Every structure is written in structure tokens, then in C-alpha cells.
Amino acid sequence: MTPIHTVLIANRGEIAARILRTCRRLGKRAVVVYHEADQDSLAVRLADEAYRIDGATPVAAYLSIDNILAACRATGADAVHPGFGFLSENAEFARALDVAGIRFIGPGADAIDAMGDKIRSKRIAQQAGVNTIPGYDGEIRNADHALDVAFSIGFPVILKASAGGGGKGMRVIQDGDPQTCRTAFERTTSEAQAAFGDGRVFLEKYIERPRHIEIQVLGDQHGNVVHLGERECSIQRRHQKVIEEAPSSFVDASLREAMGAQAVALAREVGYASAGTVEFVVDPSGASTFSK
């Protein structure tokens, strides 16, 4: 594989500065893109080269694939590090870079596709022998369908956006009241469409008083995958983690080994070649199930 010479950092703020420092330690030339709002940022001051990108808003500028490709051409970057957020989980972006002959520092486009769709990723997890939360194996078509599935699973249940993340597109349904279910379905699909451009939702059993445990995995392009233990992410607000703790005070050696083995199996199943996270929900009894 051809060595990387110049890394373009397609992000902003602290994450861009941290990637830039790592490039410096590795002896790589580091380029950052920046919107006018970030022209005085630390990353811009530290970079070997900074390339201005424009958009209707700063976020739109960093989300533009054309902007990043133009920056690569102008600066001679042969690799792109997306950081997190923005284009980091965009399979179209990864494929566009591949077509342009530019290395994407992250998972392959197929893995992004597979794991970015929660309905599909749950099926893949089941194929890999990973424990999954009981639920409906597919898209919930409408509110009546949601109610039927909820009764078959048993309340409480939770509706989730298939393309969701960041705690958005989620509603807990505590009982079988039809109007409550209809309202939850309408609000979840509407929020999912607005936030992710994808209104599909699925439904699964709601685990009460859960522990949220993340397993960090690393995979290379030769099929080797390892896990680096767990992070406890149970302190949350609106389904979004607030504090991470490692190692978890709840996870013992046997549970760590079991979740780690399942996380590695899932990463291998999708051909994951990067750093990533497999999220588990652990009920109070200590039974773990794959979340996303």
C-alpha cells in the first residue's frame, strides 16, 4: 500500500486540532479545510496548509463532498481524515474519495452502509451470532403495525429511527393505548425524516434501567480485529451519553470477554477496517444485547 504523504482533515474545532497533532507526530503533512467562521481557529493556525470552503452555513460547508474533493485537488492531499460527525459515516463520501484515488481514513463504504442502517445492522448482528434486543425484524409500516408488534413483544417498547444517532428519533411506548402509539409513531418518523432524511423506524423491547456499554474495536485491511475493552456510557440525557467511564464498574471479566468476542465477530462480519464502537445494552441481571 502506498504510504500517505498529506492528510486533509475534513472537520473543525478540537477534533481537527487533535488529528493535526497526530499527523505531526507521524511526520505527515496536515491540511485543514475551514469555513470563514473558523478562520481564526487553532487548527487553521497549526496546519501546514489551510483551504477555505464555503457554504450557506458552516455546517453545510463541511458537509459538502464537492468542497472536500476540491480541497484535496488544490492541496495535493492523498488521504482524508473525517474526524467524527459531518462526513465520517457517509458511504457516498467514502466512495467518491475512492474514485478520486484518495485514501479514506475510516471504515470502507460497504461497512458504513451496513452499520449505518440499524435495521440492516441488527440482521447482520444476528447472522454473526451476536445477542440482539427482541423486536421486529424490519421496518414498521404504520402506527397500527407498531401497535400489533408492540403487543406481540410486550410493553414497554421503543421506536427507533433506522438511520438515527445522537439520541434523536426515539420514543418509548409504555402501554397499548392506540392514540399514544399513533402519536409516538408520527413524531418518531417525522423527527427521523427531518434529522436524517430517512423516516424509517423499527421497534424493539425497551430495556428498563439498562447499562449502556460500548466495546471499542480495531480492524485492519487484512481481516484482523481486536477489541480494547469497554466504556460505561449509562449516564445519559435524552438517550445521549454525557459521561464515559473506563473500565466499567459493572462489567466483570466474564461479561467483558463475552461482549468483546461478540463485538469482534460483528466487526469481522461486515469487514470493518478502522476504529469503531459496538454498543450493548445490559439489563440489571447482567444479560447483554447488541444495540447498534
C-alpha atoms as a PDB file:
ATOM      1  CA  MET A   1       0.000   0.000   0.000  1.00  0.00           C
ATOM      2  CA  THR A   2       1.338   3.442  -0.977  1.00  0.00           C
ATOM      3  CA  PRO A   3       2.413   5.497   2.060  1.00  0.00           C
ATOM      4  CA  ILE A   4       0.306   8.542   2.924  1.00  0.00           C
ATOM      5  CA  HIS A   5       2.039  11.901   2.478  1.00  0.00           C
ATOM      6  CA  THR A   6      -0.627  14.574   3.017  1.00  0.00           C
ATOM      7  CA  VAL A   7      -3.728  14.207   5.179  1.00  0.00           C
ATOM      8  CA  LEU A   8      -6.646  16.565   4.678  1.00  0.00           C
ATOM      9  CA  ILE A   9      -8.725  16.955   7.848  1.00  0.00           C
ATOM     10  CA  ALA A  10     -12.404  17.373   6.934  1.00  0.00           C
ATOM     11  CA  ASN A  11     -13.542  18.700  10.305  1.00  0.00           C
ATOM     12  CA  ARG A  12     -13.264  21.664  12.650  1.00  0.00           C
ATOM     13  CA  GLY A  13     -12.546  22.627  16.248  1.00  0.00           C
ATOM     14  CA  GLU A  14     -10.799  20.448  18.810  1.00  0.00           C
ATOM     15  CA  ILE A  15     -11.107  17.219  16.823  1.00  0.00           C
ATOM     16  CA  ALA A  16      -9.317  18.821  13.854  1.00  0.00           C
ATOM     17  CA  ALA A  17      -6.535  20.075  16.132  1.00  0.00           C
ATOM     18  CA  ARG A  18      -6.089  16.649  17.714  1.00  0.00           C
ATOM     19  CA  ILE A  19      -5.861  14.883  14.346  1.00  0.00           C
ATOM     20  CA  LEU A  20      -3.417  17.533  13.179  1.00  0.00           C
ATOM     21  CA  ARG A  21      -1.125  16.946  16.170  1.00  0.00           C
ATOM     22  CA  THR A  22      -1.167  13.205  15.475  1.00  0.00           C
ATOM     23  CA  CYS A  23      -0.234  13.813  11.826  1.00  0.00           C
ATOM     24  CA  ARG A  24       2.647  15.960  13.041  1.00  0.00           C
ATOM     25  CA  ARG A  25       3.896  13.162  15.334  1.00  0.00           C
ATOM     26  CA  LEU A  26       3.707  10.696  12.437  1.00  0.00           C
ATOM     27  CA  GLY A  27       5.604  13.010  10.102  1.00  0.00           C
ATOM     28  CA  LYS A  28       2.637  13.580   7.782  1.00  0.00           C
ATOM     29  CA  ARG A  29       1.777  16.904   6.164  1.00  0.00           C
ATOM     30  CA  ALA A  30      -1.570  18.110   7.545  1.00  0.00           C
ATOM     31  CA  VAL A  31      -4.099  20.248   5.674  1.00  0.00           C
ATOM     32  CA  VAL A  32      -7.328  21.571   7.175  1.00  0.00           C
ATOM     33  CA  VAL A  33     -10.398  22.944   5.487  1.00  0.00           C
ATOM     34  CA  TYR A  34     -12.139  25.860   7.142  1.00  0.00           C
ATOM     35  CA  HIS A  35     -15.243  27.976   6.810  1.00  0.00           C
ATOM     36  CA  GLU A  36     -14.967  31.724   7.296  1.00  0.00           C
ATOM     37  CA  ALA A  37     -16.377  31.278  10.809  1.00  0.00           C
ATOM     38  CA  ASP A  38     -13.306  29.189  11.719  1.00  0.00           C
ATOM     39  CA  GLN A  39     -10.608  31.262  10.063  1.00  0.00           C
ATOM     40  CA  ASP A  40      -9.010  32.158  13.407  1.00  0.00           C
ATOM     41  CA  SER A  41      -9.252  28.662  14.894  1.00  0.00           C
ATOM     42  CA  LEU A  42      -6.345  26.771  16.442  1.00  0.00           C
ATOM     43  CA  ALA A  43      -6.431  24.109  13.728  1.00  0.00           C
ATOM     44  CA  VAL A  44      -6.058  26.725  10.995  1.00  0.00           C
ATOM     45  CA  ARG A  45      -3.100  28.288  12.797  1.00  0.00           C
ATOM     46  CA  LEU A  46      -1.358  24.938  13.327  1.00  0.00           C
ATOM     47  CA  ALA A  47      -1.946  23.376   9.892  1.00  0.00           C
ATOM     48  CA  ASP A  48       0.730  23.103   7.218  1.00  0.00           C
ATOM     49  CA  GLU A  49      -1.896  24.477   4.856  1.00  0.00           C
ATOM     50  CA  ALA A  50      -5.474  25.708   5.277  1.00  0.00           C
ATOM     51  CA  TYR A  51      -8.028  25.725   2.480  1.00  0.00           C
ATOM     52  CA  ARG A  52     -11.177  27.825   2.695  1.00  0.00           C
ATOM     53  CA  ILE A  53     -14.530  26.212   1.887  1.00  0.00           C
ATOM     54  CA  ASP A  54     -17.871  27.983   1.554  1.00  0.00           C
ATOM     55  CA  GLY A  55     -21.493  27.104   2.159  1.00  0.00           C
ATOM     56  CA  ALA A  56     -24.825  28.578   3.169  1.00  0.00           C
ATOM     57  CA  THR A  57     -23.827  27.776   6.771  1.00  0.00           C
ATOM     58  CA  PRO A  58     -20.601  26.475   8.331  1.00  0.00           C
ATOM     59  CA  VAL A  59     -22.203  23.026   8.744  1.00  0.00           C
ATOM     60  CA  ALA A  60     -23.266  22.968   5.087  1.00  0.00           C
ATOM     61  CA  ALA A  61     -19.713  23.811   4.060  1.00  0.00           C
ATOM     62  CA  TYR A  62     -18.226  20.866   5.979  1.00  0.00           C
ATOM     63  CA  LEU A  63     -20.950  18.518   4.725  1.00  0.00           C
ATOM     64  CA  SER A  64     -20.239  19.259   1.053  1.00  0.00           C
ATOM     65  CA  ILE A  65     -18.469  16.364  -0.657  1.00  0.00           C
ATOM     66  CA  ASP A  66     -17.613  18.656  -3.585  1.00  0.00           C
ATOM     67  CA  ASN A  67     -15.908  21.074  -1.194  1.00  0.00           C
ATOM     68  CA  ILE A  68     -13.676  18.355   0.232  1.00  0.00           C
ATOM     69  CA  LEU A  69     -12.786  16.905  -3.169  1.00  0.00           C
ATOM     70  CA  ALA A  70     -11.881  20.380  -4.447  1.00  0.00           C
ATOM     71  CA  ALA A  71      -9.707  20.931  -1.379  1.00  0.00           C
ATOM     72  CA  CYS A  72      -7.906  17.626  -1.981  1.00  0.00           C
ATOM     73  CA  ARG A  73      -7.162  18.565  -5.573  1.00  0.00           C
ATOM     74  CA  ALA A  74      -5.948  22.045  -4.626  1.00  0.00           C
ATOM     75  CA  THR A  75      -3.682  20.910  -1.781  1.00  0.00           C
ATOM     76  CA  GLY A  76      -2.427  17.612  -3.164  1.00  0.00           C
ATOM     77  CA  ALA A  77      -3.890  15.602  -0.285  1.00  0.00           C
ATOM     78  CA  ASP A  78      -3.713  11.856  -0.831  1.00  0.00           C
ATOM     79  CA  ALA A  79      -5.802  10.949   2.237  1.00  0.00           C
ATOM     80  CA  VAL A  80      -8.735  12.386   4.164  1.00  0.00           C
ATOM     81  CA  HIS A  81      -9.439  12.039   7.874  1.00  0.00           C
ATOM     82  CA  PRO A  82     -13.107  12.932   8.566  1.00  0.00           C
ATOM     83  CA  GLY A  83     -12.896  13.080  12.364  1.00  0.00           C
ATOM     84  CA  PHE A  84     -16.343  12.360  13.779  1.00  0.00           C
ATOM     85  CA  GLY A  85     -19.708  13.729  12.712  1.00  0.00           C
ATOM     86  CA  PHE A  86     -20.036  15.559   9.410  1.00  0.00           C
ATOM     87  CA  LEU A  87     -18.986  13.133   6.613  1.00  0.00           C
ATOM     88  CA  SER A  88     -17.395  10.474   8.816  1.00  0.00           C
ATOM     89  CA  GLU A  89     -20.270   7.980   8.338  1.00  0.00           C
ATOM     90  CA  ASN A  90     -21.195   8.918   4.775  1.00  0.00           C
ATOM     91  CA  ALA A  91     -20.692   5.970   2.419  1.00  0.00           C
ATOM     92  CA  GLU A  92     -21.168   8.193  -0.651  1.00  0.00           C
ATOM     93  CA  PHE A  93     -18.234  10.314   0.534  1.00  0.00           C
ATOM     94  CA  ALA A  94     -16.007   7.270   1.046  1.00  0.00           C
ATOM     95  CA  ARG A  95     -16.840   6.028  -2.456  1.00  0.00           C
ATOM     96  CA  ALA A  96     -16.231   9.461  -4.021  1.00  0.00           C
ATOM     97  CA  LEU A  97     -12.769   9.561  -2.463  1.00  0.00           C
ATOM     98  CA  ASP A  98     -12.035   6.047  -3.707  1.00  0.00           C
ATOM     99  CA  VAL A  99     -12.995   7.031  -7.266  1.00  0.00           C
ATOM    100  CA  ALA A 100     -10.689  10.052  -6.989  1.00  0.00           C
ATOM    101  CA  GLY A 101      -7.816   7.848  -5.800  1.00  0.00           C
ATOM    102  CA  ILE A 102      -7.758   9.386  -2.330  1.00  0.00           C
ATOM    103  CA  ARG A 103      -7.457   7.259   0.826  1.00  0.00           C
ATOM    104  CA  PHE A 104     -10.359   7.480   3.291  1.00  0.00           C
ATOM    105  CA  ILE A 105      -9.052   7.106   6.844  1.00  0.00           C
ATOM    106  CA  GLY A 106     -12.004   5.185   8.205  1.00  0.00           C
ATOM    107  CA  PRO A 107     -14.112   2.102   7.500  1.00  0.00           C
ATOM    108  CA  GLY A 108     -14.940   1.031   3.963  1.00  0.00           C
ATOM    109  CA  ALA A 109     -18.082   2.299   2.263  1.00  0.00           C
ATOM    110  CA  ASP A 110     -19.785  -1.103   2.448  1.00  0.00           C
ATOM    111  CA  ALA A 111     -19.206  -1.286   6.211  1.00  0.00           C
ATOM    112  CA  ILE A 112     -20.558   2.245   6.634  1.00  0.00           C
ATOM    113  CA  ASP A 113     -23.667   1.273   4.673  1.00  0.00           C
ATOM    114  CA  ALA A 114     -24.153  -1.887   6.701  1.00  0.00           C
ATOM    115  CA  MET A 115     -23.752  -0.360  10.145  1.00  0.00           C
ATOM    116  CA  GLY A 116     -25.386   2.997   9.414  1.00  0.00           C
ATOM    117  CA  ASP A 117     -28.767   1.345   8.840  1.00  0.00           C
ATOM    118  CA  LYS A 118     -29.917  -0.035  12.187  1.00  0.00           C
ATOM    119  CA  ILE A 119     -32.456  -2.412  10.647  1.00  0.00           C
ATOM    120  CA  ARG A 120     -29.773  -3.915   8.422  1.00  0.00           C
ATOM    121  CA  SER A 121     -27.101  -3.886  11.141  1.00  0.00           C
ATOM    122  CA  LYS A 122     -29.375  -5.806  13.502  1.00  0.00           C
ATOM    123  CA  ARG A 123     -29.838  -8.528  10.906  1.00  0.00           C
ATOM    124  CA  ILE A 124     -26.079  -8.671  10.345  1.00  0.00           C
ATOM    125  CA  ALA A 125     -25.533  -8.941  14.094  1.00  0.00           C
ATOM    126  CA  GLN A 126     -27.910 -11.903  14.253  1.00  0.00           C
ATOM    127  CA  GLN A 127     -26.030 -13.577  11.390  1.00  0.00           C
ATOM    128  CA  ALA A 128     -22.787 -13.075  13.326  1.00  0.00           C
ATOM    129  CA  GLY A 129     -24.242 -14.745  16.413  1.00  0.00           C
ATOM    130  CA  VAL A 130     -24.473 -11.519  18.400  1.00  0.00           C
ATOM    131  CA  ASN A 131     -27.220 -11.172  21.014  1.00  0.00           C
ATOM    132  CA  THR A 132     -29.852  -8.665  19.910  1.00  0.00           C
ATOM    133  CA  ILE A 133     -32.755  -6.974  21.672  1.00  0.00           C
ATOM    134  CA  PRO A 134     -36.080  -8.723  20.925  1.00  0.00           C
ATOM    135  CA  GLY A 135     -38.046  -6.829  18.318  1.00  0.00           C
ATOM    136  CA  TYR A 136     -39.495  -6.760  14.818  1.00  0.00           C
ATOM    137  CA  ASP A 137     -37.040  -7.720  12.077  1.00  0.00           C
ATOM    138  CA  GLY A 138     -37.843  -4.944   9.610  1.00  0.00           C
ATOM    139  CA  GLU A 139     -39.419  -1.552   9.044  1.00  0.00           C
ATOM    140  CA  ILE A 140     -42.566  -0.591  10.941  1.00  0.00           C
ATOM    141  CA  ARG A 141     -45.061   0.369   8.241  1.00  0.00           C
ATOM    142  CA  ASN A 142     -47.528   2.491  10.193  1.00  0.00           C
ATOM    143  CA  ALA A 143     -48.962   3.147  13.668  1.00  0.00           C
ATOM    144  CA  ASP A 144     -51.309   0.148  13.543  1.00  0.00           C
ATOM    145  CA  HIS A 145     -48.405  -2.103  12.625  1.00  0.00           C
ATOM    146  CA  ALA A 146     -46.396  -0.643  15.517  1.00  0.00           C
ATOM    147  CA  LEU A 147     -49.213  -1.416  17.939  1.00  0.00           C
ATOM    148  CA  ASP A 148     -49.558  -5.005  16.693  1.00  0.00           C
ATOM    149  CA  VAL A 149     -45.813  -5.610  17.027  1.00  0.00           C
ATOM    150  CA  ALA A 150     -45.737  -3.988  20.466  1.00  0.00           C
ATOM    151  CA  PHE A 151     -48.432  -6.331  21.771  1.00  0.00           C
ATOM    152  CA  SER A 152     -46.569  -9.338  20.380  1.00  0.00           C
ATOM    153  CA  ILE A 153     -43.329  -8.272  22.092  1.00  0.00           C
ATOM    154  CA  GLY A 154     -44.796  -6.959  25.322  1.00  0.00           C
ATOM    155  CA  PHE A 155     -44.681  -3.460  26.749  1.00  0.00           C
ATOM    156  CA  PRO A 156     -42.736  -1.278  27.253  1.00  0.00           C
ATOM    157  CA  VAL A 157     -41.260  -0.960  23.747  1.00  0.00           C
ATOM    158  CA  ILE A 158     -39.213   1.665  21.977  1.00  0.00           C
ATOM    159  CA  LEU A 159     -39.479   3.075  18.459  1.00  0.00           C
ATOM    160  CA  LYS A 160     -36.131   3.971  16.877  1.00  0.00           C
ATOM    161  CA  ALA A 161     -35.090   5.654  13.654  1.00  0.00           C
ATOM    162  CA  SER A 162     -33.242   3.226  11.395  1.00  0.00           C
ATOM    163  CA  ALA A 163     -30.789   5.943  10.363  1.00  0.00           C
ATOM    164  CA  GLY A 164     -30.713   7.501  13.827  1.00  0.00           C
ATOM    165  CA  GLY A 165     -27.950   8.655  16.100  1.00  0.00           C
ATOM    166  CA  GLY A 166     -27.187  11.221  18.744  1.00  0.00           C
ATOM    167  CA  GLY A 167     -30.243  10.276  20.762  1.00  0.00           C
ATOM    168  CA  LYS A 168     -32.655  11.515  18.088  1.00  0.00           C
ATOM    169  CA  GLY A 169     -35.588   9.606  16.610  1.00  0.00           C
ATOM    170  CA  MET A 170     -36.545   7.560  19.689  1.00  0.00           C
ATOM    171  CA  ARG A 171     -39.839   7.202  21.597  1.00  0.00           C
ATOM    172  CA  VAL A 172     -40.728   4.845  24.457  1.00  0.00           C
ATOM    173  CA  ILE A 173     -44.269   3.397  24.463  1.00  0.00           C
ATOM    174  CA  GLN A 174     -45.339   2.228  27.903  1.00  0.00           C
ATOM    175  CA  ASP A 175     -48.770   0.725  27.162  1.00  0.00           C
ATOM    176  CA  GLY A 176     -51.193  -0.273  24.427  1.00  0.00           C
ATOM    177  CA  ASP A 177     -53.189   2.945  24.147  1.00  0.00           C
ATOM    178  CA  PRO A 178     -53.763   3.353  20.366  1.00  0.00           C
ATOM    179  CA  GLN A 179     -53.541   7.144  20.396  1.00  0.00           C
ATOM    180  CA  THR A 180     -50.293   7.100  22.370  1.00  0.00           C
ATOM    181  CA  CYS A 181     -48.837   4.649  19.888  1.00  0.00           C
ATOM    182  CA  ARG A 182     -50.020   6.694  16.891  1.00  0.00           C
ATOM    183  CA  THR A 183     -48.549   9.905  18.296  1.00  0.00           C
ATOM    184  CA  ALA A 184     -45.233   8.191  19.056  1.00  0.00           C
ATOM    185  CA  PHE A 185     -45.058   6.754  15.539  1.00  0.00           C
ATOM    186  CA  GLU A 186     -45.850  10.072  13.856  1.00  0.00           C
ATOM    187  CA  ARG A 187     -43.369  12.041  15.955  1.00  0.00           C
ATOM    188  CA  THR A 188     -40.585   9.486  15.584  1.00  0.00           C
ATOM    189  CA  THR A 189     -40.911   9.202  11.806  1.00  0.00           C
ATOM    190  CA  SER A 190     -41.172  12.979  11.445  1.00  0.00           C
ATOM    191  CA  GLU A 191     -38.083  13.568  13.571  1.00  0.00           C
ATOM    192  CA  ALA A 192     -36.171  10.860  11.724  1.00  0.00           C
ATOM    193  CA  GLN A 193     -37.028  12.368   8.342  1.00  0.00           C
ATOM    194  CA  ALA A 194     -36.051  15.866   9.463  1.00  0.00           C
ATOM    195  CA  ALA A 195     -32.806  14.844  11.166  1.00  0.00           C
ATOM    196  CA  PHE A 196     -31.535  12.099   8.852  1.00  0.00           C
ATOM    197  CA  GLY A 197     -33.549  12.350   5.629  1.00  0.00           C
ATOM    198  CA  ASP A 198     -34.856   8.834   6.308  1.00  0.00           C
ATOM    199  CA  GLY A 199     -38.201   8.321   8.036  1.00  0.00           C
ATOM    200  CA  ARG A 200     -37.944   4.541   8.502  1.00  0.00           C
ATOM    201  CA  VAL A 201     -38.346   3.262  12.063  1.00  0.00           C
ATOM    202  CA  PHE A 202     -38.130  -0.103  13.794  1.00  0.00           C
ATOM    203  CA  LEU A 203     -39.428  -1.346  17.123  1.00  0.00           C
ATOM    204  CA  GLU A 204     -37.883  -3.411  19.888  1.00  0.00           C
ATOM    205  CA  LYS A 205     -38.316  -4.243  23.559  1.00  0.00           C
ATOM    206  CA  TYR A 206     -37.443  -1.355  25.869  1.00  0.00           C
ATOM    207  CA  ILE A 207     -34.877  -2.432  28.454  1.00  0.00           C
ATOM    208  CA  GLU A 208     -35.627  -0.659  31.727  1.00  0.00           C
ATOM    209  CA  ARG A 209     -32.827   0.582  33.988  1.00  0.00           C
ATOM    210  CA  PRO A 210     -30.178  -0.541  31.497  1.00  0.00           C
ATOM    211  CA  ARG A 211     -26.439  -0.209  31.467  1.00  0.00           C
ATOM    212  CA  HIS A 212     -25.091   1.153  28.166  1.00  0.00           C
ATOM    213  CA  ILE A 213     -21.738  -0.455  27.450  1.00  0.00           C
ATOM    214  CA  GLU A 214     -19.607   0.314  24.401  1.00  0.00           C
ATOM    215  CA  ILE A 215     -16.868  -2.025  23.188  1.00  0.00           C
ATOM    216  CA  GLN A 216     -14.043  -0.396  21.217  1.00  0.00           C
ATOM    217  CA  VAL A 217     -12.852  -2.423  18.230  1.00  0.00           C
ATOM    218  CA  LEU A 218      -9.927  -2.027  15.845  1.00  0.00           C
ATOM    219  CA  GLY A 219      -9.805  -3.760  12.482  1.00  0.00           C
ATOM    220  CA  ASP A 220      -7.234  -3.714   9.681  1.00  0.00           C
ATOM    221  CA  GLN A 221      -7.480  -4.433   5.975  1.00  0.00           C
ATOM    222  CA  HIS A 222      -6.171  -7.968   6.417  1.00  0.00           C
ATOM    223  CA  GLY A 223      -9.151  -9.212   8.424  1.00  0.00           C
ATOM    224  CA  ASN A 224      -7.564  -8.822  11.854  1.00  0.00           C
ATOM    225  CA  VAL A 225      -9.891  -7.444  14.538  1.00  0.00           C
ATOM    226  CA  VAL A 226      -9.278  -6.868  18.244  1.00  0.00           C
ATOM    227  CA  HIS A 227     -11.256  -5.194  20.994  1.00  0.00           C
ATOM    228  CA  LEU A 228      -9.855  -2.785  23.565  1.00  0.00           C
ATOM    229  CA  GLY A 229     -12.311  -3.304  26.392  1.00  0.00           C
ATOM    230  CA  GLU A 230     -15.378  -1.346  27.365  1.00  0.00           C
ATOM    231  CA  ARG A 231     -16.639   2.103  28.185  1.00  0.00           C
ATOM    232  CA  GLU A 232     -19.574   2.637  30.548  1.00  0.00           C
ATOM    233  CA  CYS A 233     -21.951   5.182  28.970  1.00  0.00           C
ATOM    234  CA  SER A 234     -25.016   4.809  31.202  1.00  0.00           C
ATOM    235  CA  ILE A 235     -25.208   8.412  32.405  1.00  0.00           C
ATOM    236  CA  GLN A 236     -27.332   9.891  29.643  1.00  0.00           C
ATOM    237  CA  ARG A 237     -29.676  12.754  28.856  1.00  0.00           C
ATOM    238  CA  ARG A 238     -32.339  12.242  26.190  1.00  0.00           C
ATOM    239  CA  HIS A 239     -30.712   8.948  25.157  1.00  0.00           C
ATOM    240  CA  GLN A 240     -27.392  10.712  24.578  1.00  0.00           C
ATOM    241  CA  LYS A 241     -24.382   9.819  26.731  1.00  0.00           C
ATOM    242  CA  VAL A 242     -22.989  12.526  28.976  1.00  0.00           C
ATOM    243  CA  ILE A 243     -20.141  10.744  30.783  1.00  0.00           C
ATOM    244  CA  GLU A 244     -17.925   7.807  29.764  1.00  0.00           C
ATOM    245  CA  GLU A 245     -16.087   5.650  32.301  1.00  0.00           C
ATOM    246  CA  ALA A 246     -13.472   3.008  31.537  1.00  0.00           C
ATOM    247  CA  PRO A 247     -13.343   0.333  32.673  1.00  0.00           C
ATOM    248  CA  SER A 248     -16.952  -0.116  33.751  1.00  0.00           C
ATOM    249  CA  SER A 249     -17.513  -0.799  37.443  1.00  0.00           C
ATOM    250  CA  PHE A 250     -20.413  -3.086  36.430  1.00  0.00           C
ATOM    251  CA  VAL A 251     -18.673  -5.345  33.899  1.00  0.00           C
ATOM    252  CA  ASP A 252     -16.798  -8.356  35.255  1.00  0.00           C
ATOM    253  CA  ALA A 253     -14.189 -10.437  33.437  1.00  0.00           C
ATOM    254  CA  SER A 254     -16.630 -12.993  32.007  1.00  0.00           C
ATOM    255  CA  LEU A 255     -19.067 -10.375  30.706  1.00  0.00           C
ATOM    256  CA  ARG A 256     -16.186  -8.373  29.242  1.00  0.00           C
ATOM    257  CA  GLU A 257     -14.918 -11.459  27.429  1.00  0.00           C
ATOM    258  CA  ALA A 258     -18.385 -12.333  26.078  1.00  0.00           C
ATOM    259  CA  MET A 259     -19.180  -8.824  24.823  1.00  0.00           C
ATOM    260  CA  GLY A 260     -15.685  -8.408  23.415  1.00  0.00           C
ATOM    261  CA  ALA A 261     -15.975 -11.669  21.450  1.00  0.00           C
ATOM    262  CA  GLN A 262     -19.357 -10.642  20.041  1.00  0.00           C
ATOM    263  CA  ALA A 263     -18.094  -7.166  19.095  1.00  0.00           C
ATOM    264  CA  VAL A 264     -15.158  -8.721  17.225  1.00  0.00           C
ATOM    265  CA  ALA A 265     -17.488 -11.193  15.472  1.00  0.00           C
ATOM    266  CA  LEU A 266     -19.722  -8.351  14.274  1.00  0.00           C
ATOM    267  CA  ALA A 267     -16.777  -6.293  13.024  1.00  0.00           C
ATOM    268  CA  ARG A 268     -15.493  -9.289  11.079  1.00  0.00           C
ATOM    269  CA  GLU A 269     -18.934  -9.962   9.619  1.00  0.00           C
ATOM    270  CA  VAL A 270     -19.019  -6.505   7.972  1.00  0.00           C
ATOM    271  CA  GLY A 271     -15.314  -6.399   7.082  1.00  0.00           C
ATOM    272  CA  TYR A 272     -14.691  -3.449   9.391  1.00  0.00           C
ATOM    273  CA  ALA A 273     -11.238  -1.906   8.870  1.00  0.00           C
ATOM    274  CA  SER A 274     -10.906   1.027  11.229  1.00  0.00           C
ATOM    275  CA  ALA A 275     -11.525   2.079  14.810  1.00  0.00           C
ATOM    276  CA  GLY A 276     -15.177   1.665  15.782  1.00  0.00           C
ATOM    277  CA  THR A 277     -17.627   1.046  18.575  1.00  0.00           C
ATOM    278  CA  VAL A 278     -20.163  -1.721  19.139  1.00  0.00           C
ATOM    279  CA  GLU A 279     -22.867  -0.672  21.580  1.00  0.00           C
ATOM    280  CA  PHE A 280     -24.531  -3.059  24.020  1.00  0.00           C
ATOM    281  CA  VAL A 281     -27.459  -2.666  26.384  1.00  0.00           C
ATOM    282  CA  VAL A 282     -27.084  -4.680  29.586  1.00  0.00           C
ATOM    283  CA  ASP A 283     -30.136  -5.308  31.757  1.00  0.00           C
ATOM    284  CA  PRO A 284     -29.909  -5.307  35.567  1.00  0.00           C
ATOM    285  CA  SER A 285     -29.366  -9.090  35.596  1.00  0.00           C
ATOM    286  CA  GLY A 286     -26.222  -8.713  33.504  1.00  0.00           C
ATOM    287  CA  ALA A 287     -27.638 -10.061  30.221  1.00  0.00           C
ATOM    288  CA  SER A 288     -26.134  -8.122  27.302  1.00  0.00           C
ATOM    289  CA  THR A 289     -27.740  -7.431  23.948  1.00  0.00           C
ATOM    290  CA  PHE A 290     -26.392  -5.640  20.889  1.00  0.00           C
ATOM    291  CA  SER A 291     -27.853  -2.168  20.483  1.00  0.00           C
ATOM    292  CA  LYS A 292     -26.322  -0.663  17.326  1.00  0.00           C
END
